Amino acid sequence: MRTKYTINELLFEIYLICVILGSLLRNMLGEWEPIYDTYRFVSKGRWGTFFLSFSSIIILVLIFRCFIQYIKKVHVGIRILIISSILYYLIWTVLALDKAPAQSVFFESISTSVILLPVAALLGFDDNIWNILENKLPYINILFCCCFYIAVFSFWANYGIKWPMNASYKGIFSCWFTSACIMTFLDFPQKDKRKLIYCNLLLIIAAAFITQSRAWVLQTLILLFIFVAVLGDRNRSVKILMGFLLIIITVLGVSYIFPEITGNLFNRGMEDTRSGQYVIFFAQHSWEDLIFGLGINASYSYLGNKNYTYFDNQFMFVMFHYGIFPVIAWLCAYASTLKGSKIYNEQSRIVIRAAKFVGFFVLLAYMGVSTYYQIELGYSGVIVMMLVGKALREKYYGRS
């Protein structure tokens, strides 16, 4: 049994505890306020905010430690991109501090720390940190699953089966979905974990229907199909057929058990809930504003709010505030996993394939396909970039 741990390991352990605890407290402590014919969740989780703010400090320290230790192991192109991201972050942070309080600049959703997200890939170069994440993912999935259903059933018990606005459990779901994606691709070769993966997938598909998000339903069903049709050991044609059948059975099962859920969801059909935001935005701003960014206080008029700062498309959200460079940096880091290179062993192949598939799911979410999935230096963003970094390390060095 190990008795000594590196500073990076201790910092990452503390980070995981704080960011997960903060996310759960923020999304579970609060009250439901009536609005129209439903309810909306108002968070009262001050302790959640405290833990999330503390986790932000920890991850910044850890990122810069890994930068010092591993920057020379990164190929020149990505190295230049990472160094440029840090300089870009420092410039925008100085500019932001002149226009907004430090709390907003360092800790809130429009924080300049989002610029550092590609730099978080360096955490994946630390094998000790990666092993902590990989070993704890099953427990993290179970925790998010339990908390999601506790939040849902507690709401239904008090208010009936309704579809609330700003539902607290959607924030939990976004963290759970990221964890489920990564665990599915990393652990599928281990036969002793496949039952857990199957149960986790079926539960998260049911949860996706509960969120009433067409995008989440689609992505979880695709994840199930990939698990059965691509990652299994059987004949390819049989696997594809089984994948389709399992999806159909899952949809029918959820429809039978929760008819109110699927009825409301399917009634929305192909309803457009996105394009109007683009029309309103570009009536007030030009493409140049997205290329160079308008700073931390950038806003536009939307839904009666004259100072609306948010955008469903997370890439546009970042570009609106800090320009196009952070988006290019993220895309380049992810694209590096797609380039062909020598595969050293089976473990390298598994990690690289996981980075490709999970990165693609996250790419869709950032582009506005999924709700409640923010591009930020938070739990989901960090562990996805860790996976990308681990894949790049495997490409460069294998398990040396």
Protein backbone atom coordinates (compact mmCIF):
# COMPACT_ATOMS: atom_id res chain seq x y z
CA MET A 1 0.00 0.00 0.00
CA ARG A 2 1.31 3.42 -0.95
CA THR A 3 2.21 5.77 1.88
CA LYS A 4 3.55 8.69 -0.16
CA TYR A 5 1.59 10.77 -2.64
CA THR A 6 2.73 13.52 -4.97
CA ILE A 7 1.54 17.10 -4.54
CA ASN A 8 -0.30 16.81 -7.86
CA GLU A 9 -2.20 13.75 -6.63
CA LEU A 10 -3.25 15.47 -3.41
CA LEU A 11 -4.34 18.58 -5.27
CA PHE A 12 -6.37 16.55 -7.75
CA GLU A 13 -8.03 14.52 -4.98
CA ILE A 14 -9.03 17.76 -3.25
CA TYR A 15 -10.21 19.20 -6.57
CA LEU A 16 -12.43 16.20 -7.33
CA ILE A 17 -14.01 16.30 -3.87
CA CYS A 18 -14.67 20.04 -4.02
CA VAL A 19 -15.93 20.26 -7.60
CA ILE A 20 -18.27 17.26 -7.27
CA LEU A 21 -19.55 18.31 -3.85
CA GLY A 22 -20.00 21.89 -5.09
CA SER A 23 -21.93 20.78 -8.18
CA LEU A 24 -24.25 18.58 -6.13
CA LEU A 25 -24.89 21.13 -3.39
CA ARG A 26 -25.59 23.89 -5.90
CA ASN A 27 -28.09 21.71 -7.74
CA MET A 28 -29.77 20.05 -4.75
CA LEU A 29 -30.00 22.80 -2.13
CA GLY A 30 -32.66 25.32 -3.05
CA GLU A 31 -36.37 25.83 -3.45
CA TRP A 32 -38.96 25.52 -6.20
CA GLU A 33 -40.84 28.70 -7.05
CA PRO A 34 -44.12 28.59 -9.00
CA ILE A 35 -44.00 30.16 -12.47
CA TYR A 36 -46.86 29.96 -14.98
CA ASP A 37 -48.18 26.38 -14.78
CA THR A 38 -44.96 24.83 -13.51
CA TYR A 39 -41.99 25.58 -11.23
CA ARG A 40 -38.43 26.77 -11.46
CA PHE A 41 -35.50 25.90 -9.22
CA VAL A 42 -33.75 28.68 -7.31
CA SER A 43 -30.45 27.51 -5.87
CA LYS A 44 -29.70 28.32 -2.23
CA GLY A 45 -26.51 26.30 -2.17
CA ARG A 46 -24.04 28.81 -0.76
CA TRP A 47 -21.80 25.96 0.31
CA GLY A 48 -21.95 24.72 -3.28
CA THR A 49 -20.68 28.07 -4.50
CA PHE A 50 -17.93 27.99 -1.87
CA PHE A 51 -16.71 24.53 -2.88
CA LEU A 52 -16.84 25.37 -6.60
CA SER A 53 -14.86 28.58 -6.03
CA PHE A 54 -12.29 26.67 -3.99
CA SER A 55 -12.07 23.99 -6.70
CA SER A 56 -11.37 26.74 -9.26
CA ILE A 57 -8.37 27.89 -7.24
CA ILE A 58 -7.09 24.32 -6.87
CA ILE A 59 -7.39 23.53 -10.58
CA LEU A 60 -5.59 26.74 -11.56
CA VAL A 61 -2.69 25.81 -9.28
CA LEU A 62 -2.66 22.26 -10.63
CA ILE A 63 -2.75 23.41 -14.26
CA PHE A 64 0.24 25.67 -13.82
CA ARG A 65 2.14 22.94 -11.96
CA CYS A 66 1.51 20.52 -14.83
CA PHE A 67 2.45 23.23 -17.32
CA ILE A 68 5.88 23.57 -15.71
CA GLN A 69 6.38 19.79 -15.49
CA TYR A 70 5.05 18.58 -18.86
CA ILE A 71 5.08 21.40 -21.41
CA LYS A 72 8.32 20.09 -22.94
CA LYS A 73 6.70 16.69 -23.58
CA VAL A 74 4.06 18.21 -25.86
CA HIS A 75 4.67 18.49 -29.60
CA VAL A 76 5.70 21.91 -30.84
CA GLY A 77 2.36 22.91 -32.39
CA ILE A 78 0.30 22.16 -29.27
CA ARG A 79 3.07 23.63 -27.10
CA ILE A 80 2.81 26.96 -28.91
CA LEU A 81 -0.97 26.81 -28.61
CA ILE A 82 -0.81 26.17 -24.85
CA ILE A 83 1.70 28.95 -24.19
CA SER A 84 -0.37 31.33 -26.31
CA SER A 85 -3.50 30.36 -24.33
CA ILE A 86 -1.80 31.26 -21.05
CA LEU A 87 -0.64 34.63 -22.39
CA TYR A 88 -4.10 35.24 -23.86
CA TYR A 89 -5.65 34.39 -20.49
CA LEU A 90 -3.39 36.82 -18.63
CA ILE A 91 -4.22 39.65 -21.05
CA TRP A 92 -7.97 39.13 -20.84
CA THR A 93 -7.83 38.71 -17.05
CA VAL A 94 -6.09 42.08 -16.64
CA LEU A 95 -8.67 43.72 -18.94
CA ALA A 96 -11.56 42.02 -17.13
CA LEU A 97 -10.40 43.04 -13.65
CA ASP A 98 -10.72 46.65 -14.77
CA LYS A 99 -14.41 46.17 -15.63
CA ALA A 100 -15.75 43.52 -13.26
CA PRO A 101 -15.27 42.28 -9.67
CA ALA A 102 -12.69 39.56 -9.03
CA GLN A 103 -15.47 37.07 -8.16
CA SER A 104 -16.83 37.32 -11.72
CA VAL A 105 -13.40 37.28 -13.35
CA PHE A 106 -12.13 34.17 -11.58
CA PHE A 107 -15.13 32.11 -10.48
CA GLU A 108 -18.36 32.76 -12.37
CA SER A 109 -19.65 31.32 -15.65
CA ILE A 110 -18.13 34.15 -17.72
CA SER A 111 -14.77 33.72 -15.99
CA THR A 112 -11.65 34.25 -18.07
CA SER A 113 -10.45 30.85 -16.82
CA VAL A 114 -12.39 29.24 -19.69
CA ILE A 115 -9.48 30.33 -21.90
CA LEU A 116 -7.27 27.87 -20.00
CA LEU A 117 -9.43 24.85 -20.78
CA PRO A 118 -7.07 23.48 -23.50
CA VAL A 119 -4.17 23.86 -21.06
CA ALA A 120 -5.95 21.40 -18.74
CA ALA A 121 -4.98 18.69 -21.24
CA LEU A 122 -1.57 18.69 -19.54
CA LEU A 123 -3.18 17.00 -16.51
CA GLY A 124 -3.56 13.92 -18.68
CA PHE A 125 0.23 13.68 -18.98
CA ASP A 126 0.49 12.93 -15.25
CA ASP A 127 -0.10 9.18 -14.88
CA ASN A 128 -0.78 9.45 -11.15
CA ILE A 129 -3.54 12.01 -11.66
CA TRP A 130 -5.02 9.99 -14.52
CA ASN A 131 -5.09 6.81 -12.44
CA ILE A 132 -7.05 8.61 -9.72
CA LEU A 133 -9.70 9.71 -12.21
CA GLU A 134 -9.90 6.32 -13.93
CA ASN A 135 -10.25 4.42 -10.63
CA LYS A 136 -12.90 6.74 -9.20
CA LEU A 137 -15.08 7.09 -12.31
CA PRO A 138 -17.37 4.13 -11.43
CA TYR A 139 -18.04 5.59 -7.97
CA ILE A 140 -18.58 9.07 -9.43
CA ASN A 141 -21.13 7.68 -11.89
CA ILE A 142 -23.02 5.92 -9.09
CA LEU A 143 -23.00 9.11 -7.00
CA PHE A 144 -24.35 11.32 -9.81
CA CYS A 145 -26.95 8.69 -10.70
CA CYS A 146 -28.26 8.47 -7.13
CA CYS A 147 -28.33 12.26 -6.68
CA PHE A 148 -30.13 12.76 -9.99
CA TYR A 149 -32.96 10.39 -9.12
CA ILE A 150 -33.17 11.69 -5.56
CA ALA A 151 -33.65 15.22 -6.94
CA VAL A 152 -36.23 14.06 -9.50
CA PHE A 153 -38.34 11.90 -7.16
CA SER A 154 -38.26 14.48 -4.38
CA PHE A 155 -39.67 17.05 -6.81
CA TRP A 156 -42.33 14.66 -8.12
CA ALA A 157 -43.31 13.67 -4.58
CA ASN A 158 -44.01 17.31 -3.70
CA TYR A 159 -45.36 18.76 -6.94
CA GLY A 160 -46.39 15.84 -9.15
CA ILE A 161 -44.94 14.86 -12.52
CA LYS A 162 -44.29 18.27 -14.07
CA TRP A 163 -41.51 19.71 -16.25
CA PRO A 164 -39.93 22.55 -14.28
CA MET A 165 -37.86 25.41 -15.65
CA ASN A 166 -34.18 25.57 -14.66
CA ALA A 167 -34.54 22.07 -13.24
CA SER A 168 -31.80 21.40 -10.73
CA TYR A 169 -31.31 17.82 -11.84
CA LYS A 170 -30.27 18.92 -15.37
CA GLY A 171 -27.04 20.31 -13.94
CA ILE A 172 -26.38 16.96 -12.25
CA PHE A 173 -27.21 15.14 -15.49
CA SER A 174 -24.59 17.05 -17.51
CA CYS A 175 -21.82 15.95 -15.10
CA TRP A 176 -23.16 12.40 -15.04
CA PHE A 177 -23.30 12.20 -18.84
CA THR A 178 -19.63 13.19 -19.18
CA SER A 179 -18.60 10.65 -16.55
CA ALA A 180 -20.72 7.94 -18.21
CA CYS A 181 -19.20 8.59 -21.64
CA ILE A 182 -15.63 8.34 -20.40
CA MET A 183 -16.24 5.28 -18.23
CA THR A 184 -18.06 3.48 -21.05
CA PHE A 185 -15.17 3.81 -23.50
CA LEU A 186 -12.38 3.20 -20.99
CA ASP A 187 -13.82 0.26 -19.07
CA PHE A 188 -15.64 -1.76 -21.76
CA PRO A 189 -12.68 -4.22 -22.23
CA GLN A 190 -12.99 -5.21 -18.57
CA LYS A 191 -15.72 -7.83 -18.56
CA ASP A 192 -16.25 -7.53 -14.81
CA LYS A 193 -17.39 -3.90 -15.34
CA ARG A 194 -19.73 -4.43 -18.27
CA LYS A 195 -22.81 -5.06 -16.11
CA LEU A 196 -22.17 -1.77 -14.33
CA ILE A 197 -21.78 0.00 -17.69
CA TYR A 198 -25.02 -1.50 -19.03
CA CYS A 199 -26.95 -0.49 -15.90
CA ASN A 200 -25.43 2.98 -15.98
CA LEU A 201 -26.37 3.45 -19.64
CA LEU A 202 -29.95 2.29 -19.16
CA LEU A 203 -30.39 4.55 -16.14
CA ILE A 204 -28.91 7.56 -17.90
CA ILE A 205 -31.14 7.01 -20.95
CA ALA A 206 -34.20 7.02 -18.67
CA ALA A 207 -32.78 10.16 -17.04
CA ALA A 208 -32.37 11.81 -20.45
CA PHE A 209 -36.10 11.32 -21.09
CA ILE A 210 -36.83 12.88 -17.70
CA THR A 211 -34.78 15.99 -18.59
CA GLN A 212 -37.12 16.47 -21.59
CA SER A 213 -34.09 17.28 -23.74
CA ARG A 214 -34.28 15.81 -27.24
CA ALA A 215 -30.52 16.26 -27.61
CA TRP A 216 -29.74 14.37 -24.39
CA VAL A 217 -32.07 11.53 -25.43
CA LEU A 218 -30.41 11.31 -28.83
CA GLN A 219 -26.87 11.39 -27.44
CA THR A 220 -27.49 8.80 -24.75
CA LEU A 221 -29.12 6.44 -27.27
CA ILE A 222 -26.15 6.93 -29.61
CA LEU A 223 -23.83 6.15 -26.70
CA LEU A 224 -25.75 2.93 -26.03
CA PHE A 225 -25.63 1.99 -29.71
CA ILE A 226 -21.87 2.59 -29.90
CA PHE A 227 -21.33 0.51 -26.79
CA VAL A 228 -23.26 -2.44 -28.21
CA ALA A 229 -22.46 -2.14 -31.93
CA VAL A 230 -18.89 -0.87 -31.91
CA LEU A 231 -17.27 -1.90 -28.65
CA GLY A 232 -18.62 -5.44 -28.27
CA ASP A 233 -16.91 -8.71 -29.23
CA ARG A 234 -19.56 -10.25 -31.50
CA ASN A 235 -19.89 -10.23 -35.28
CA ARG A 236 -20.30 -6.66 -36.58
CA SER A 237 -23.68 -7.25 -38.27
CA VAL A 238 -25.03 -8.96 -35.15
CA LYS A 239 -23.76 -6.14 -32.96
CA ILE A 240 -25.41 -3.46 -35.12
CA LEU A 241 -28.71 -5.34 -35.09
CA MET A 242 -28.50 -5.79 -31.33
CA GLY A 243 -27.72 -2.11 -30.94
CA PHE A 244 -30.84 -1.04 -32.86
CA LEU A 245 -33.02 -3.57 -31.03
CA LEU A 246 -31.73 -2.43 -27.65
CA ILE A 247 -32.48 1.20 -28.49
CA ILE A 248 -36.03 0.32 -29.57
CA ILE A 249 -36.60 -1.77 -26.43
CA THR A 250 -35.25 1.05 -24.25
CA VAL A 251 -37.50 3.69 -25.83
CA LEU A 252 -40.57 1.43 -25.60
CA GLY A 253 -39.73 0.54 -22.01
CA VAL A 254 -39.42 4.16 -20.91
CA SER A 255 -42.60 5.04 -22.84
CA TYR A 256 -44.51 2.28 -21.04
CA ILE A 257 -43.24 3.11 -17.55
CA PHE A 258 -43.34 6.93 -17.94
CA PRO A 259 -45.99 7.75 -20.60
CA GLU A 260 -46.21 11.39 -19.48
CA ILE A 261 -42.49 11.86 -20.05
CA THR A 262 -42.27 10.49 -23.57
CA GLY A 263 -45.63 11.96 -24.60
CA ASN A 264 -44.56 15.50 -23.78
CA LEU A 265 -41.15 14.99 -25.35
CA PHE A 266 -42.38 13.47 -28.61
CA ASN A 267 -45.13 16.09 -28.94
CA ARG A 268 -42.39 18.70 -29.33
CA GLY A 269 -41.13 16.79 -32.36
CA MET A 270 -38.83 18.93 -34.48
CA GLU A 271 -39.80 22.17 -32.76
CA ASP A 272 -37.11 24.80 -33.35
CA THR A 273 -35.77 26.21 -30.06
CA ARG A 274 -32.41 27.53 -31.26
CA SER A 275 -32.44 29.55 -34.52
CA GLY A 276 -34.36 32.50 -33.07
CA GLN A 277 -31.47 33.27 -30.76
CA TYR A 278 -29.08 33.54 -33.72
CA VAL A 279 -31.41 35.90 -35.59
CA ILE A 280 -31.80 38.19 -32.57
CA PHE A 281 -28.07 38.12 -31.81
CA PHE A 282 -26.87 39.00 -35.32
CA ALA A 283 -29.43 41.77 -35.55
CA GLN A 284 -27.44 43.45 -32.78
CA HIS A 285 -23.86 42.27 -33.34
CA SER A 286 -21.52 41.48 -36.23
CA TRP A 287 -19.12 38.61 -36.91
CA GLU A 288 -16.25 40.90 -35.94
CA ASP A 289 -17.54 40.94 -32.37
CA LEU A 290 -17.12 37.15 -32.28
CA ILE A 291 -13.64 37.19 -33.78
CA PHE A 292 -12.14 39.70 -31.34
CA GLY A 293 -14.53 39.44 -28.37
CA LEU A 294 -16.24 42.21 -26.43
CA GLY A 295 -15.02 41.32 -22.95
CA ILE A 296 -16.52 39.96 -19.76
CA ASN A 297 -19.47 42.39 -19.76
CA ALA A 298 -20.53 41.75 -23.37
CA SER A 299 -24.32 41.46 -23.67
CA TYR A 300 -27.27 41.70 -26.01
CA SER A 301 -31.03 42.12 -25.72
CA TYR A 302 -32.92 38.81 -25.57
CA LEU A 303 -36.22 37.61 -24.09
CA GLY A 304 -36.90 41.00 -22.54
CA ASN A 305 -33.46 41.12 -20.89
CA LYS A 306 -31.42 44.07 -22.18
CA ASN A 307 -28.17 42.73 -20.72
CA TYR A 308 -28.31 39.04 -21.65
CA THR A 309 -24.81 37.53 -21.61
CA TYR A 310 -25.50 33.87 -22.38
CA PHE A 311 -25.68 31.88 -25.61
CA ASP A 312 -26.76 28.24 -26.07
CA ASN A 313 -23.93 27.66 -28.55
CA GLN A 314 -21.01 27.60 -26.12
CA PHE A 315 -18.42 28.35 -28.77
CA MET A 316 -20.29 31.53 -29.68
CA PHE A 317 -20.64 32.29 -25.97
CA VAL A 318 -16.86 32.20 -25.53
CA MET A 319 -16.20 34.05 -28.80
CA PHE A 320 -18.67 36.78 -27.86
CA HIS A 321 -16.72 37.50 -24.68
CA TYR A 322 -13.10 36.53 -25.44
CA GLY A 323 -12.77 36.13 -29.20
CA ILE A 324 -12.18 33.18 -31.47
CA PHE A 325 -8.75 32.09 -30.20
CA PRO A 326 -9.95 29.96 -27.20
CA VAL A 327 -12.29 28.06 -29.54
CA ILE A 328 -9.50 27.45 -32.06
CA ALA A 329 -7.25 26.22 -29.23
CA TRP A 330 -9.89 23.74 -28.01
CA LEU A 331 -10.59 22.47 -31.53
CA CYS A 332 -6.87 22.04 -32.29
CA ALA A 333 -6.31 20.09 -29.07
CA TYR A 334 -9.21 17.76 -29.90
CA ALA A 335 -8.24 17.48 -33.59
CA SER A 336 -4.78 16.30 -32.51
CA THR A 337 -6.36 13.09 -31.22
CA LEU A 338 -7.81 12.39 -34.68
CA LYS A 339 -4.47 12.42 -36.48
CA GLY A 340 -3.08 9.00 -37.32
CA SER A 341 0.00 7.88 -35.44
CA LYS A 342 1.68 4.80 -34.05
CA ILE A 343 -0.45 2.83 -31.56
CA TYR A 344 1.90 1.38 -28.96
CA ASN A 345 -0.44 -1.13 -27.33
CA GLU A 346 -4.08 -2.02 -26.68
CA GLN A 347 -4.37 0.42 -23.79
CA SER A 348 -3.19 3.26 -26.01
CA ARG A 349 -5.81 2.32 -28.61
CA ILE A 350 -8.57 2.33 -25.98
CA VAL A 351 -7.64 5.76 -24.60
CA ILE A 352 -7.24 7.34 -28.05
CA ARG A 353 -10.57 5.95 -29.24
CA ALA A 354 -12.24 7.19 -26.06
CA ALA A 355 -10.86 10.70 -26.64
CA LYS A 356 -12.17 10.70 -30.22
CA PHE A 357 -15.71 9.60 -29.34
CA VAL A 358 -16.10 11.56 -26.10
CA GLY A 359 -14.59 14.64 -27.72
CA PHE A 360 -17.15 14.38 -30.49
CA PHE A 361 -20.05 14.18 -28.01
CA VAL A 362 -18.72 17.22 -26.17
CA LEU A 363 -18.17 19.07 -29.45
CA LEU A 364 -21.86 18.60 -30.29
CA ALA A 365 -22.86 19.79 -26.82
CA TYR A 366 -20.68 22.91 -27.03
CA MET A 367 -22.16 23.75 -30.43
CA GLY A 368 -25.57 24.05 -28.82
CA VAL A 369 -26.98 20.57 -29.34
CA SER A 370 -27.32 19.96 -25.59
CA THR A 371 -28.64 22.19 -22.85
CA TYR A 372 -27.03 22.72 -19.46
CA TYR A 373 -23.60 21.85 -20.85
CA GLN A 374 -21.32 24.82 -20.37
CA ILE A 375 -17.82 25.32 -21.69
CA GLU A 376 -15.96 26.20 -18.51
CA LEU A 377 -13.04 25.16 -16.36
CA GLY A 378 -15.39 22.95 -14.34
CA TYR A 379 -15.79 19.22 -13.75
CA SER A 380 -16.91 18.13 -17.23
CA GLY A 381 -14.57 20.43 -19.13
CA VAL A 382 -11.53 19.42 -17.09
CA ILE A 383 -11.96 15.64 -17.23
CA VAL A 384 -12.64 15.73 -20.98
CA MET A 385 -9.45 17.71 -21.57
CA MET A 386 -7.61 15.28 -19.27
CA LEU A 387 -8.79 12.48 -21.56
CA VAL A 388 -7.57 14.42 -24.60
CA GLY A 389 -4.23 15.00 -22.89
CA LYS A 390 -3.92 11.34 -21.96
CA ALA A 391 -4.64 10.38 -25.59
CA LEU A 392 -1.92 12.76 -26.80
CA ARG A 393 0.53 11.28 -24.31
CA GLU A 394 -0.28 7.80 -25.56
CA LYS A 395 0.27 8.98 -29.13
CA TYR A 396 3.64 10.46 -28.26
CA TYR A 397 5.09 7.95 -25.81
CA GLY A 398 2.76 5.00 -25.23
CA ARG A 399 2.87 3.83 -21.61
CA SER A 400 6.52 4.63 -21.09
